[in-house]
Amino acid sequence: MFALCVALVATSAIAEQKIIELWSGSPPPSGAQVKSTPKTITKRTDVPSLSFFAAKSDKPCSVVIIAPGGGYNVLCDTYEGDEIAKTLNEWGISAVVLRYRVPNDPVGALQDIQRAIRVVRNKAAQLNIDPKRLGVFGFSAGANLCARASANFKENSYQPSDTADKLSARPDLTCLVYPAYCDEQGNAKRFENKAPAGGGYDAKYALAKNLKIDADTPRAYIVQSHEDPYINASIAYYLALREAGVPANLLLLDRGKHGFILNKNQYTDNWKVLLRSWLKENGFQ
């Protein structure tokens, strides 16, 4: 999938409306030991950025920060970034595509999304957006990043440096499309190279230890397919939200492999119809 994403980036570029500076100067150190990976599947991002897509609106509108997927190795930032931003614009929602640090820098990525939430809120008047209607929307590893931002917003991942960093890093809602690594077994396999252990139902759907869900965690819209090998990530996150009393919408499709957004068909596109209704019900339209 990663190679396909890179190929699509070259053939389906969309003009970015505005670039917003994420960090003043260099981003904070993350401690990552970045290893080189094959250039055919890697898009390196040392300097993270925000691409703003404004919805046409006379009044301040809602805004969604989009985190593309790619296994924390590559950013599939056309079909899981710019294209989604354009769709949200059509729904009357402004969007920001976050190009976070890759490859192999999940700590830096968390710093980037926490900073992005604060920077966008700080620029609310300039961007004509409502800082109290700000959501995060991720795909695959980007969905994992959004889950981490939503579950861990009470903990700063970097040292505050300016007035923007005094603002809340809590999203008002979360959209997770075929998320990965939100279950403990999937998280341990990806980041600790541990083979999935047994243990039955509880072990399979245990929430990843790096996610701290409680009653303050933002409500969520989650969608994944039965064929997706990462499906336990969605179920684990949903069950944890339910246990904490947080409203959540879990949509499970019986068809569509991981990355199904790349397969244009009516069946796998139905999640967008339900998402739009959910966003409207939660005051984002």
C-alpha atoms as a PDB file:
ATOM      1  CA  MET A   1       0.000   0.000   0.000  1.00  0.00           C
ATOM      2  CA  PHE A   2       2.841   2.406   0.843  1.00  0.00           C
ATOM      3  CA  ALA A   3       4.332   2.247  -2.662  1.00  0.00           C
ATOM      4  CA  LEU A   4       0.906   2.773  -4.200  1.00  0.00           C
ATOM      5  CA  CYS A   5       0.356   5.873  -2.054  1.00  0.00           C
ATOM      6  CA  VAL A   6       3.603   7.411  -3.270  1.00  0.00           C
ATOM      7  CA  ALA A   7       2.688   6.707  -6.892  1.00  0.00           C
ATOM      8  CA  LEU A   8      -0.691   8.344  -6.466  1.00  0.00           C
ATOM      9  CA  VAL A   9       0.871  11.459  -4.967  1.00  0.00           C
ATOM     10  CA  ALA A  10       2.710  12.060  -8.216  1.00  0.00           C
ATOM     11  CA  THR A  11      -0.388  11.748 -10.394  1.00  0.00           C
ATOM     12  CA  SER A  12      -3.077  13.490  -8.373  1.00  0.00           C
ATOM     13  CA  ALA A  13      -1.620  16.664  -6.874  1.00  0.00           C
ATOM     14  CA  ILE A  14      -3.938  19.336  -5.501  1.00  0.00           C
ATOM     15  CA  ALA A  15      -2.883  22.938  -4.971  1.00  0.00           C
ATOM     16  CA  GLU A  16      -2.523  23.823  -1.320  1.00  0.00           C
ATOM     17  CA  GLN A  17      -4.378  26.954  -0.328  1.00  0.00           C
ATOM     18  CA  LYS A  18      -2.125  28.120   2.502  1.00  0.00           C
ATOM     19  CA  ILE A  19       0.895  26.855   4.416  1.00  0.00           C
ATOM     20  CA  ILE A  20       0.867  27.557   8.162  1.00  0.00           C
ATOM     21  CA  GLU A  21       4.099  27.522  10.129  1.00  0.00           C
ATOM     22  CA  LEU A  22       3.908  24.765  12.714  1.00  0.00           C
ATOM     23  CA  TRP A  23       7.066  25.343  14.738  1.00  0.00           C
ATOM     24  CA  SER A  24       8.975  28.591  15.127  1.00  0.00           C
ATOM     25  CA  GLY A  25      12.381  27.359  14.053  1.00  0.00           C
ATOM     26  CA  SER A  26      13.297  23.690  14.368  1.00  0.00           C
ATOM     27  CA  PRO A  27      10.810  21.277  15.980  1.00  0.00           C
ATOM     28  CA  PRO A  28      11.675  20.037  19.477  1.00  0.00           C
ATOM     29  CA  PRO A  29      13.913  16.981  19.661  1.00  0.00           C
ATOM     30  CA  SER A  30      11.994  13.728  19.859  1.00  0.00           C
ATOM     31  CA  GLY A  31      14.870  11.408  20.632  1.00  0.00           C
ATOM     32  CA  ALA A  32      14.109   9.339  17.527  1.00  0.00           C
ATOM     33  CA  GLN A  33      16.855   7.255  16.009  1.00  0.00           C
ATOM     34  CA  VAL A  34      15.682   7.491  12.419  1.00  0.00           C
ATOM     35  CA  LYS A  35      16.703   4.534  10.298  1.00  0.00           C
ATOM     36  CA  SER A  36      16.850   4.789   6.536  1.00  0.00           C
ATOM     37  CA  THR A  37      14.172   2.932   4.594  1.00  0.00           C
ATOM     38  CA  PRO A  38      13.821   2.252   0.865  1.00  0.00           C
ATOM     39  CA  LYS A  39      13.192   5.500  -1.020  1.00  0.00           C
ATOM     40  CA  THR A  40      10.515   3.834  -3.128  1.00  0.00           C
ATOM     41  CA  ILE A  41       8.157   3.739  -0.143  1.00  0.00           C
ATOM     42  CA  THR A  42       9.390   6.601   2.007  1.00  0.00           C
ATOM     43  CA  LYS A  43       8.566  10.275   1.938  1.00  0.00           C
ATOM     44  CA  ARG A  44      10.828  11.883   4.480  1.00  0.00           C
ATOM     45  CA  THR A  45       9.453  14.811   6.497  1.00  0.00           C
ATOM     46  CA  ASP A  46      12.064  16.425   8.741  1.00  0.00           C
ATOM     47  CA  VAL A  47      10.251  19.767   8.846  1.00  0.00           C
ATOM     48  CA  PRO A  48       6.546  19.177   9.604  1.00  0.00           C
ATOM     49  CA  SER A  49       3.964  21.532   8.118  1.00  0.00           C
ATOM     50  CA  LEU A  50       0.285  22.458   8.009  1.00  0.00           C
ATOM     51  CA  SER A  51      -1.628  22.946   4.754  1.00  0.00           C
ATOM     52  CA  PHE A  52      -4.835  24.917   5.290  1.00  0.00           C
ATOM     53  CA  PHE A  53      -7.905  24.437   3.082  1.00  0.00           C
ATOM     54  CA  ALA A  54     -10.557  27.068   3.818  1.00  0.00           C
ATOM     55  CA  ALA A  55     -14.255  26.373   3.470  1.00  0.00           C
ATOM     56  CA  LYS A  56     -16.333  29.193   2.019  1.00  0.00           C
ATOM     57  CA  SER A  57     -18.183  30.685   4.971  1.00  0.00           C
ATOM     58  CA  ASP A  58     -19.230  34.135   6.168  1.00  0.00           C
ATOM     59  CA  LYS A  59     -19.108  32.972   9.776  1.00  0.00           C
ATOM     60  CA  PRO A  60     -16.395  31.073  11.668  1.00  0.00           C
ATOM     61  CA  CYS A  61     -16.765  27.414  10.745  1.00  0.00           C
ATOM     62  CA  SER A  62     -15.552  24.151  12.206  1.00  0.00           C
ATOM     63  CA  VAL A  63     -12.127  22.793  11.319  1.00  0.00           C
ATOM     64  CA  VAL A  64     -10.594  19.322  11.125  1.00  0.00           C
ATOM     65  CA  ILE A  65      -6.891  18.478  11.293  1.00  0.00           C
ATOM     66  CA  ILE A  66      -6.128  15.526   9.008  1.00  0.00           C
ATOM     67  CA  ALA A  67      -3.309  13.053   9.693  1.00  0.00           C
ATOM     68  CA  PRO A  68      -2.528  10.850   6.653  1.00  0.00           C
ATOM     69  CA  GLY A  69      -1.475   7.245   7.125  1.00  0.00           C
ATOM     70  CA  GLY A  70       1.584   5.301   6.074  1.00  0.00           C
ATOM     71  CA  GLY A  71       2.806   3.200   8.997  1.00  0.00           C
ATOM     72  CA  TYR A  72       4.841   6.112  10.454  1.00  0.00           C
ATOM     73  CA  ASN A  73       7.138   5.535   7.457  1.00  0.00           C
ATOM     74  CA  VAL A  74       5.464   7.443   4.629  1.00  0.00           C
ATOM     75  CA  LEU A  75       2.647   9.973   4.352  1.00  0.00           C
ATOM     76  CA  CYS A  76      -0.137   9.043   1.938  1.00  0.00           C
ATOM     77  CA  ASP A  77      -0.980  12.721   1.922  1.00  0.00           C
ATOM     78  CA  THR A  78      -2.921  13.021  -1.327  1.00  0.00           C
ATOM     79  CA  TYR A  79      -5.781  10.529  -1.001  1.00  0.00           C
ATOM     80  CA  GLU A  80      -5.637  10.521   2.799  1.00  0.00           C
ATOM     81  CA  GLY A  81      -4.897  14.222   3.084  1.00  0.00           C
ATOM     82  CA  ASP A  82      -5.554  16.825   0.396  1.00  0.00           C
ATOM     83  CA  GLU A  83      -8.457  14.919  -1.185  1.00  0.00           C
ATOM     84  CA  ILE A  84     -10.187  14.541   2.191  1.00  0.00           C
ATOM     85  CA  ALA A  85      -9.641  18.248   2.903  1.00  0.00           C
ATOM     86  CA  LYS A  86     -11.446  19.124  -0.343  1.00  0.00           C
ATOM     87  CA  THR A  87     -14.355  16.855   0.605  1.00  0.00           C
ATOM     88  CA  LEU A  88     -14.643  18.521   4.004  1.00  0.00           C
ATOM     89  CA  ASN A  89     -14.588  21.923   2.302  1.00  0.00           C
ATOM     90  CA  GLU A  90     -17.571  20.831   0.216  1.00  0.00           C
ATOM     91  CA  TRP A  91     -19.368  20.043   3.478  1.00  0.00           C
ATOM     92  CA  GLY A  92     -18.666  23.547   4.800  1.00  0.00           C
ATOM     93  CA  ILE A  93     -15.806  22.472   7.068  1.00  0.00           C
ATOM     94  CA  SER A  94     -12.306  23.934   6.888  1.00  0.00           C
ATOM     95  CA  ALA A  95      -9.432  21.461   6.966  1.00  0.00           C
ATOM     96  CA  VAL A  96      -5.747  21.337   7.797  1.00  0.00           C
ATOM     97  CA  VAL A  97      -3.497  18.579   6.452  1.00  0.00           C
ATOM     98  CA  LEU A  98      -0.718  17.784   8.915  1.00  0.00           C
ATOM     99  CA  ARG A  99       2.501  16.495   7.397  1.00  0.00           C
ATOM    100  CA  TYR A 100       4.103  15.125  10.543  1.00  0.00           C
ATOM    101  CA  ARG A 101       7.608  13.791  10.961  1.00  0.00           C
ATOM    102  CA  VAL A 102       8.454  10.514   9.236  1.00  0.00           C
ATOM    103  CA  PRO A 103       9.993   7.977   8.995  1.00  0.00           C
ATOM    104  CA  ASN A 104       9.974   6.142  12.322  1.00  0.00           C
ATOM    105  CA  ASP A 105       9.370   9.089  14.636  1.00  0.00           C
ATOM    106  CA  PRO A 106       6.078   8.487  16.508  1.00  0.00           C
ATOM    107  CA  VAL A 107       7.210  10.733  19.384  1.00  0.00           C
ATOM    108  CA  GLY A 108       7.904  13.601  16.991  1.00  0.00           C
ATOM    109  CA  ALA A 109       4.579  12.942  15.287  1.00  0.00           C
ATOM    110  CA  LEU A 110       2.724  13.325  18.600  1.00  0.00           C
ATOM    111  CA  GLN A 111       4.565  16.579  19.253  1.00  0.00           C
ATOM    112  CA  ASP A 112       3.518  17.768  15.802  1.00  0.00           C
ATOM    113  CA  ILE A 113      -0.192  17.018  16.197  1.00  0.00           C
ATOM    114  CA  GLN A 114      -0.392  18.515  19.698  1.00  0.00           C
ATOM    115  CA  ARG A 115       1.312  21.640  18.401  1.00  0.00           C
ATOM    116  CA  ALA A 116      -0.969  21.687  15.330  1.00  0.00           C
ATOM    117  CA  ILE A 117      -4.106  21.694  17.484  1.00  0.00           C
ATOM    118  CA  ARG A 118      -2.786  24.633  19.503  1.00  0.00           C
ATOM    119  CA  VAL A 119      -1.505  26.619  16.525  1.00  0.00           C
ATOM    120  CA  VAL A 120      -4.800  26.291  14.654  1.00  0.00           C
ATOM    121  CA  ARG A 121      -6.732  27.380  17.741  1.00  0.00           C
ATOM    122  CA  ASN A 122      -4.369  30.311  18.183  1.00  0.00           C
ATOM    123  CA  LYS A 123      -5.002  31.429  14.597  1.00  0.00           C
ATOM    124  CA  ALA A 124      -8.772  30.980  14.773  1.00  0.00           C
ATOM    125  CA  ALA A 125      -9.616  34.610  13.963  1.00  0.00           C
ATOM    126  CA  GLN A 126      -7.207  34.729  11.003  1.00  0.00           C
ATOM    127  CA  LEU A 127      -8.490  31.441   9.598  1.00  0.00           C
ATOM    128  CA  ASN A 128     -12.194  32.164  10.190  1.00  0.00           C
ATOM    129  CA  ILE A 129     -12.661  29.019  12.237  1.00  0.00           C
ATOM    130  CA  ASP A 130     -14.315  28.247  15.570  1.00  0.00           C
ATOM    131  CA  PRO A 131     -11.640  27.114  18.067  1.00  0.00           C
ATOM    132  CA  LYS A 132     -14.308  25.249  20.032  1.00  0.00           C
ATOM    133  CA  ARG A 133     -15.190  23.081  17.017  1.00  0.00           C
ATOM    134  CA  LEU A 134     -11.860  21.495  16.158  1.00  0.00           C
ATOM    135  CA  GLY A 135     -11.574  17.816  15.325  1.00  0.00           C
ATOM    136  CA  VAL A 136      -8.842  15.385  14.301  1.00  0.00           C
ATOM    137  CA  PHE A 137      -9.237  12.912  11.454  1.00  0.00           C
ATOM    138  CA  GLY A 138      -6.716  10.176  10.717  1.00  0.00           C
ATOM    139  CA  PHE A 139      -6.090   7.152   8.534  1.00  0.00           C
ATOM    140  CA  SER A 140      -4.179   4.011   9.547  1.00  0.00           C
ATOM    141  CA  ALA A 141      -1.056   5.201  11.418  1.00  0.00           C
ATOM    142  CA  GLY A 142      -2.474   8.726  11.166  1.00  0.00           C
ATOM    143  CA  ALA A 143      -5.594   7.442  12.929  1.00  0.00           C
ATOM    144  CA  ASN A 144      -3.367   5.978  15.621  1.00  0.00           C
ATOM    145  CA  LEU A 145      -1.740   9.392  15.930  1.00  0.00           C
ATOM    146  CA  CYS A 146      -5.172  11.035  16.288  1.00  0.00           C
ATOM    147  CA  ALA A 147      -6.109   8.461  18.927  1.00  0.00           C
ATOM    148  CA  ARG A 148      -2.919   9.253  20.830  1.00  0.00           C
ATOM    149  CA  ALA A 149      -3.636  12.991  20.596  1.00  0.00           C
ATOM    150  CA  SER A 150      -7.194  12.444  21.820  1.00  0.00           C
ATOM    151  CA  ALA A 151      -6.404  10.040  24.645  1.00  0.00           C
ATOM    152  CA  ASN A 152      -3.250  11.786  25.893  1.00  0.00           C
ATOM    153  CA  PHE A 153      -4.094  15.467  25.504  1.00  0.00           C
ATOM    154  CA  LYS A 154      -3.531  16.079  29.233  1.00  0.00           C
ATOM    155  CA  GLU A 155       0.177  15.291  28.873  1.00  0.00           C
ATOM    156  CA  ASN A 156       2.496  17.678  27.027  1.00  0.00           C
ATOM    157  CA  SER A 157       4.801  15.890  24.611  1.00  0.00           C
ATOM    158  CA  TYR A 158       7.108  18.931  24.364  1.00  0.00           C
ATOM    159  CA  GLN A 159       8.123  21.982  26.392  1.00  0.00           C
ATOM    160  CA  PRO A 160       5.816  24.998  25.825  1.00  0.00           C
ATOM    161  CA  SER A 161       7.512  27.843  23.963  1.00  0.00           C
ATOM    162  CA  ASP A 162       4.938  30.558  23.165  1.00  0.00           C
ATOM    163  CA  THR A 163       1.368  31.759  23.737  1.00  0.00           C
ATOM    164  CA  ALA A 164      -0.092  29.091  21.416  1.00  0.00           C
ATOM    165  CA  ASP A 165       1.230  26.407  23.756  1.00  0.00           C
ATOM    166  CA  LYS A 166      -0.942  27.782  26.558  1.00  0.00           C
ATOM    167  CA  LEU A 167      -4.043  26.617  24.680  1.00  0.00           C
ATOM    168  CA  SER A 168      -5.699  23.221  25.044  1.00  0.00           C
ATOM    169  CA  ALA A 169      -4.462  20.321  22.925  1.00  0.00           C
ATOM    170  CA  ARG A 170      -7.784  18.480  23.332  1.00  0.00           C
ATOM    171  CA  PRO A 171      -9.671  17.860  20.078  1.00  0.00           C
ATOM    172  CA  ASP A 172     -13.460  18.300  20.257  1.00  0.00           C
ATOM    173  CA  LEU A 173     -14.022  15.059  18.349  1.00  0.00           C
ATOM    174  CA  THR A 174     -12.046  12.271  16.696  1.00  0.00           C
ATOM    175  CA  CYS A 175     -12.472  10.440  13.366  1.00  0.00           C
ATOM    176  CA  LEU A 176     -10.518   7.210  12.934  1.00  0.00           C
ATOM    177  CA  VAL A 177     -10.513   5.474   9.553  1.00  0.00           C
ATOM    178  CA  TYR A 178      -8.995   1.967   9.537  1.00  0.00           C
ATOM    179  CA  PRO A 179      -6.782   2.773  12.557  1.00  0.00           C
ATOM    180  CA  ALA A 180      -3.739   0.697  13.463  1.00  0.00           C
ATOM    181  CA  TYR A 181      -1.810  -0.007  16.694  1.00  0.00           C
ATOM    182  CA  CYS A 182      -4.574   1.080  19.115  1.00  0.00           C
ATOM    183  CA  ASP A 183      -4.735  -2.432  20.600  1.00  0.00           C
ATOM    184  CA  GLU A 184      -1.904  -3.577  22.850  1.00  0.00           C
ATOM    185  CA  GLN A 185      -0.915  -6.565  20.727  1.00  0.00           C
ATOM    186  CA  GLY A 186      -0.808  -4.496  17.541  1.00  0.00           C
ATOM    187  CA  ASN A 187       1.065  -1.686  19.267  1.00  0.00           C
ATOM    188  CA  ALA A 188       3.640  -4.052  20.778  1.00  0.00           C
ATOM    189  CA  LYS A 189       4.163  -5.807  17.442  1.00  0.00           C
ATOM    190  CA  ARG A 190       4.762  -2.534  15.584  1.00  0.00           C
ATOM    191  CA  PHE A 191       6.891  -0.679  18.104  1.00  0.00           C
ATOM    192  CA  GLU A 192       8.442  -3.434  20.242  1.00  0.00           C
ATOM    193  CA  ASN A 193       8.701  -6.250  17.677  1.00  0.00           C
ATOM    194  CA  LYS A 194       6.741  -8.549  19.962  1.00  0.00           C
ATOM    195  CA  ALA A 195       4.730 -11.399  18.493  1.00  0.00           C
ATOM    196  CA  PRO A 196       1.010 -11.332  19.473  1.00  0.00           C
ATOM    197  CA  ALA A 197       0.437 -13.311  22.650  1.00  0.00           C
ATOM    198  CA  GLY A 198      -2.516 -15.537  23.382  1.00  0.00           C
ATOM    199  CA  GLY A 199      -4.952 -14.896  26.186  1.00  0.00           C
ATOM    200  CA  GLY A 200      -8.318 -14.947  24.476  1.00  0.00           C
ATOM    201  CA  TYR A 201     -10.794 -12.118  24.063  1.00  0.00           C
ATOM    202  CA  ASP A 202      -9.412  -9.782  26.733  1.00  0.00           C
ATOM    203  CA  ALA A 203      -5.882  -9.912  25.352  1.00  0.00           C
ATOM    204  CA  LYS A 204      -6.948  -9.461  21.717  1.00  0.00           C
ATOM    205  CA  TYR A 205      -9.003  -6.361  22.424  1.00  0.00           C
ATOM    206  CA  ALA A 206      -6.934  -4.789  25.189  1.00  0.00           C
ATOM    207  CA  LEU A 207      -6.272  -1.097  24.645  1.00  0.00           C
ATOM    208  CA  ALA A 208      -2.685  -0.106  23.872  1.00  0.00           C
ATOM    209  CA  LYS A 209      -0.897   0.928  27.056  1.00  0.00           C
ATOM    210  CA  ASN A 210       0.108   4.279  25.565  1.00  0.00           C
ATOM    211  CA  LEU A 211      -3.559   5.335  25.280  1.00  0.00           C
ATOM    212  CA  LYS A 212      -5.134   6.750  28.441  1.00  0.00           C
ATOM    213  CA  ILE A 213      -8.872   6.941  27.836  1.00  0.00           C
ATOM    214  CA  ASP A 214     -11.207   8.427  30.433  1.00  0.00           C
ATOM    215  CA  ALA A 215     -14.464  10.378  30.554  1.00  0.00           C
ATOM    216  CA  ASP A 216     -12.717  13.483  29.150  1.00  0.00           C
ATOM    217  CA  THR A 217     -11.583  11.740  25.964  1.00  0.00           C
ATOM    218  CA  PRO A 218     -13.297  13.215  22.868  1.00  0.00           C
ATOM    219  CA  ARG A 219     -16.164  11.315  21.279  1.00  0.00           C
ATOM    220  CA  ALA A 220     -15.219   9.337  18.189  1.00  0.00           C
ATOM    221  CA  TYR A 221     -16.343   8.069  14.795  1.00  0.00           C
ATOM    222  CA  ILE A 222     -14.514   4.849  13.897  1.00  0.00           C
ATOM    223  CA  VAL A 223     -14.692   2.815  10.693  1.00  0.00           C
ATOM    224  CA  GLN A 224     -12.853  -0.358   9.663  1.00  0.00           C
ATOM    225  CA  SER A 225     -13.469  -3.494   7.626  1.00  0.00           C
ATOM    226  CA  HIS A 226     -13.761  -7.128   8.645  1.00  0.00           C
ATOM    227  CA  GLU A 227     -10.976  -8.003   6.170  1.00  0.00           C
ATOM    228  CA  ASP A 228      -8.534  -5.549   7.734  1.00  0.00           C
ATOM    229  CA  PRO A 229      -5.746  -7.256   9.724  1.00  0.00           C
ATOM    230  CA  TYR A 230      -5.717  -4.214  12.049  1.00  0.00           C
ATOM    231  CA  ILE A 231      -9.408  -4.477  12.948  1.00  0.00           C
ATOM    232  CA  ASN A 232      -8.601  -5.138  16.629  1.00  0.00           C
ATOM    233  CA  ALA A 233      -7.383  -1.544  16.864  1.00  0.00           C
ATOM    234  CA  SER A 234     -10.882  -0.180  16.207  1.00  0.00           C
ATOM    235  CA  ILE A 235     -12.578  -2.625  18.554  1.00  0.00           C
ATOM    236  CA  ALA A 236     -10.109  -1.956  21.383  1.00  0.00           C
ATOM    237  CA  TYR A 237     -10.493   1.810  21.103  1.00  0.00           C
ATOM    238  CA  TYR A 238     -14.293   1.596  20.903  1.00  0.00           C
ATOM    239  CA  LEU A 239     -14.574  -0.725  23.918  1.00  0.00           C
ATOM    240  CA  ALA A 240     -12.362   1.586  25.981  1.00  0.00           C
ATOM    241  CA  LEU A 241     -14.507   4.595  25.042  1.00  0.00           C
ATOM    242  CA  ARG A 242     -17.658   2.688  25.945  1.00  0.00           C
ATOM    243  CA  GLU A 243     -16.203   1.667  29.303  1.00  0.00           C
ATOM    244  CA  ALA A 244     -15.367   5.332  30.000  1.00  0.00           C
ATOM    245  CA  GLY A 245     -18.877   6.466  29.025  1.00  0.00           C
ATOM    246  CA  VAL A 246     -17.697   8.399  25.954  1.00  0.00           C
ATOM    247  CA  PRO A 247     -20.128   8.428  22.981  1.00  0.00           C
ATOM    248  CA  ALA A 248     -18.719   6.631  19.957  1.00  0.00           C
ATOM    249  CA  ASN A 249     -19.873   5.450  16.547  1.00  0.00           C
ATOM    250  CA  LEU A 250     -18.249   2.200  15.359  1.00  0.00           C
ATOM    251  CA  LEU A 251     -18.901   1.188  11.740  1.00  0.00           C
ATOM    252  CA  LEU A 252     -17.615  -2.238  10.660  1.00  0.00           C
ATOM    253  CA  LEU A 253     -17.742  -3.134   6.967  1.00  0.00           C
ATOM    254  CA  ASP A 254     -17.700  -6.748   5.845  1.00  0.00           C
ATOM    255  CA  ARG A 255     -15.721  -5.893   2.688  1.00  0.00           C
ATOM    256  CA  GLY A 256     -12.748  -3.659   1.998  1.00  0.00           C
ATOM    257  CA  LYS A 257      -9.137  -4.288   2.903  1.00  0.00           C
ATOM    258  CA  HIS A 258      -6.838  -1.943   4.813  1.00  0.00           C
ATOM    259  CA  GLY A 259      -6.583   1.333   2.923  1.00  0.00           C
ATOM    260  CA  PHE A 260      -9.981   0.872   1.256  1.00  0.00           C
ATOM    261  CA  ILE A 261     -10.236   4.594   0.562  1.00  0.00           C
ATOM    262  CA  LEU A 262      -8.032   3.910  -2.466  1.00  0.00           C
ATOM    263  CA  ASN A 263     -10.701   1.605  -3.902  1.00  0.00           C
ATOM    264  CA  LYS A 264     -13.422   3.838  -5.313  1.00  0.00           C
ATOM    265  CA  ASN A 265     -16.740   2.028  -5.041  1.00  0.00           C
ATOM    266  CA  GLN A 266     -20.149   2.809  -3.605  1.00  0.00           C
ATOM    267  CA  TYR A 267     -19.937   0.242  -0.825  1.00  0.00           C
ATOM    268  CA  THR A 268     -16.703   1.417   0.755  1.00  0.00           C
ATOM    269  CA  ASP A 269     -17.654   5.083   0.244  1.00  0.00           C
ATOM    270  CA  ASN A 270     -20.765   4.756   2.436  1.00  0.00           C
ATOM    271  CA  TRP A 271     -18.718   5.579   5.527  1.00  0.00           C
ATOM    272  CA  LYS A 272     -18.470   9.169   4.258  1.00  0.00           C
ATOM    273  CA  VAL A 273     -22.251   9.526   4.164  1.00  0.00           C
ATOM    274  CA  LEU A 274     -22.550   8.392   7.766  1.00  0.00           C
ATOM    275  CA  LEU A 275     -19.576  10.514   8.790  1.00  0.00           C
ATOM    276  CA  ARG A 276     -21.176  13.631   7.347  1.00  0.00           C
ATOM    277  CA  SER A 277     -24.356  12.954   9.313  1.00  0.00           C
ATOM    278  CA  TRP A 278     -22.325  12.359  12.472  1.00  0.00           C
ATOM    279  CA  LEU A 279     -20.402  15.604  12.028  1.00  0.00           C
ATOM    280  CA  LYS A 280     -23.658  17.487  11.532  1.00  0.00           C
ATOM    281  CA  GLU A 281     -25.186  15.924  14.634  1.00  0.00           C
ATOM    282  CA  ASN A 282     -22.151  17.079  16.600  1.00  0.00           C
ATOM    283  CA  GLY A 283     -22.364  20.684  15.424  1.00  0.00           C
ATOM    284  CA  PHE A 284     -19.618  20.648  12.798  1.00  0.00           C
ATOM    285  CA  GLN A 285     -21.945  21.743   9.962  1.00  0.00           C
END
